[in-house]
Amino acid sequence: MKTRQKKSWSEMTPAQRVWVVVGAIVQMTLLGAALFDLNRRPASEIRGSKGLWGSAVFVNFFGPIAYFLFGRKRPVGEA
């Protein structure tokens, strides 16, 4: 079984570098948005602990997405 080794930045093609930068920008945007929302939203509008969600949003991509899908309570009447 052959294992892949991680490429250094200088070994990546220009297209691969672009995707790494785009992925990092998306990740940082999701993280920032989740932390901003978590900070301004009262605890009564959060499912579970704000501290736990604050830690969870640091899990790449999945944490912020999970917070937006499952961590916020929806107002009554909103689908």
C-alpha atoms as a PDB file:
ATOM      1  CA  MET A   1       0.000   0.000   0.000  1.00  0.00           C
ATOM      2  CA  LYS A   2       1.426   3.310  -1.063  1.00  0.00           C
ATOM      3  CA  THR A   3       0.804   6.293   1.199  1.00  0.00           C
ATOM      4  CA  ARG A   4       0.601   9.871   0.039  1.00  0.00           C
ATOM      5  CA  GLN A   5       2.911  12.395   1.534  1.00  0.00           C
ATOM      6  CA  LYS A   6       1.789  15.935   2.177  1.00  0.00           C
ATOM      7  CA  LYS A   7       2.975  18.419  -0.381  1.00  0.00           C
ATOM      8  CA  SER A   8       4.708  21.566   0.699  1.00  0.00           C
ATOM      9  CA  TRP A   9       3.463  24.906  -0.644  1.00  0.00           C
ATOM     10  CA  SER A  10       6.287  25.051  -3.183  1.00  0.00           C
ATOM     11  CA  GLU A  11       5.402  21.588  -4.525  1.00  0.00           C
ATOM     12  CA  MET A  12       1.775  22.524  -5.250  1.00  0.00           C
ATOM     13  CA  THR A  13       0.567  23.589  -8.653  1.00  0.00           C
ATOM     14  CA  PRO A  14      -0.912  27.087  -8.978  1.00  0.00           C
ATOM     15  CA  ALA A  15      -4.412  25.584  -9.182  1.00  0.00           C
ATOM     16  CA  GLN A  16      -3.862  23.606  -5.969  1.00  0.00           C
ATOM     17  CA  ARG A  17      -2.645  26.746  -4.224  1.00  0.00           C
ATOM     18  CA  VAL A  18      -5.779  28.614  -5.297  1.00  0.00           C
ATOM     19  CA  TRP A  19      -8.002  25.865  -3.846  1.00  0.00           C
ATOM     20  CA  VAL A  20      -6.090  25.889  -0.567  1.00  0.00           C
ATOM     21  CA  VAL A  21      -6.526  29.662  -0.285  1.00  0.00           C
ATOM     22  CA  VAL A  22     -10.226  29.487  -1.235  1.00  0.00           C
ATOM     23  CA  GLY A  23     -10.797  26.736   1.335  1.00  0.00           C
ATOM     24  CA  ALA A  24      -9.053  28.767   4.024  1.00  0.00           C
ATOM     25  CA  ILE A  25     -11.143  31.844   3.207  1.00  0.00           C
ATOM     26  CA  VAL A  26     -14.376  29.820   3.354  1.00  0.00           C
ATOM     27  CA  GLN A  27     -13.332  28.244   6.665  1.00  0.00           C
ATOM     28  CA  MET A  28     -12.413  31.595   8.239  1.00  0.00           C
ATOM     29  CA  THR A  29     -15.648  33.197   7.001  1.00  0.00           C
ATOM     30  CA  LEU A  30     -17.756  30.381   8.465  1.00  0.00           C
ATOM     31  CA  LEU A  31     -15.842  30.544  11.751  1.00  0.00           C
ATOM     32  CA  GLY A  32     -16.163  34.319  12.008  1.00  0.00           C
ATOM     33  CA  ALA A  33     -19.867  34.294  11.190  1.00  0.00           C
ATOM     34  CA  ALA A  34     -20.579  31.526  13.703  1.00  0.00           C
ATOM     35  CA  LEU A  35     -18.595  33.235  16.477  1.00  0.00           C
ATOM     36  CA  PHE A  36     -20.244  36.599  15.745  1.00  0.00           C
ATOM     37  CA  ASP A  37     -23.725  35.063  15.810  1.00  0.00           C
ATOM     38  CA  LEU A  38     -22.973  33.037  18.933  1.00  0.00           C
ATOM     39  CA  ASN A  39     -21.657  36.114  20.731  1.00  0.00           C
ATOM     40  CA  ARG A  40     -24.638  38.356  19.947  1.00  0.00           C
ATOM     41  CA  ARG A  41     -27.377  35.728  20.413  1.00  0.00           C
ATOM     42  CA  PRO A  42     -28.812  35.279  23.933  1.00  0.00           C
ATOM     43  CA  ALA A  43     -28.301  31.885  25.577  1.00  0.00           C
ATOM     44  CA  SER A  44     -32.068  31.320  25.508  1.00  0.00           C
ATOM     45  CA  GLU A  45     -31.906  31.185  21.700  1.00  0.00           C
ATOM     46  CA  ILE A  46     -29.146  28.548  21.629  1.00  0.00           C
ATOM     47  CA  ARG A  47     -29.694  24.807  21.848  1.00  0.00           C
ATOM     48  CA  GLY A  48     -27.271  23.613  24.487  1.00  0.00           C
ATOM     49  CA  SER A  49     -24.340  25.431  26.021  1.00  0.00           C
ATOM     50  CA  LYS A  50     -22.870  28.532  24.389  1.00  0.00           C
ATOM     51  CA  GLY A  51     -19.448  27.406  25.637  1.00  0.00           C
ATOM     52  CA  LEU A  52     -19.802  24.012  23.989  1.00  0.00           C
ATOM     53  CA  TRP A  53     -20.900  25.560  20.693  1.00  0.00           C
ATOM     54  CA  GLY A  54     -18.064  28.069  21.012  1.00  0.00           C
ATOM     55  CA  SER A  55     -15.623  25.186  21.072  1.00  0.00           C
ATOM     56  CA  ALA A  56     -17.432  23.186  18.397  1.00  0.00           C
ATOM     57  CA  VAL A  57     -17.289  25.951  15.793  1.00  0.00           C
ATOM     58  CA  PHE A  58     -13.499  25.550  15.675  1.00  0.00           C
ATOM     59  CA  VAL A  59     -13.887  22.117  14.057  1.00  0.00           C
ATOM     60  CA  ASN A  60     -13.082  22.792  10.394  1.00  0.00           C
ATOM     61  CA  PHE A  61     -16.160  23.397   8.246  1.00  0.00           C
ATOM     62  CA  PHE A  62     -18.361  20.975  10.188  1.00  0.00           C
ATOM     63  CA  GLY A  63     -18.472  22.942  13.451  1.00  0.00           C
ATOM     64  CA  PRO A  64     -19.832  26.226  12.076  1.00  0.00           C
ATOM     65  CA  ILE A  65     -22.217  24.435   9.714  1.00  0.00           C
ATOM     66  CA  ALA A  66     -23.517  22.273  12.579  1.00  0.00           C
ATOM     67  CA  TYR A  67     -24.008  25.394  14.705  1.00  0.00           C
ATOM     68  CA  PHE A  68     -26.060  27.127  12.011  1.00  0.00           C
ATOM     69  CA  LEU A  69     -28.136  23.999  11.324  1.00  0.00           C
ATOM     70  CA  PHE A  70     -28.619  22.640  14.846  1.00  0.00           C
ATOM     71  CA  GLY A  71     -27.336  25.102  17.450  1.00  0.00           C
ATOM     72  CA  ARG A  72     -29.778  27.952  16.985  1.00  0.00           C
ATOM     73  CA  LYS A  73     -33.406  27.785  18.044  1.00  0.00           C
ATOM     74  CA  ARG A  74     -35.834  28.847  15.357  1.00  0.00           C
ATOM     75  CA  PRO A  75     -38.598  31.282  16.288  1.00  0.00           C
ATOM     76  CA  VAL A  76     -42.110  29.825  16.444  1.00  0.00           C
ATOM     77  CA  GLY A  77     -43.760  30.016  13.032  1.00  0.00           C
ATOM     78  CA  GLU A  78     -40.497  29.851  11.071  1.00  0.00           C
ATOM     79  CA  ALA A  79     -40.117  26.757   8.914  1.00  0.00           C
END
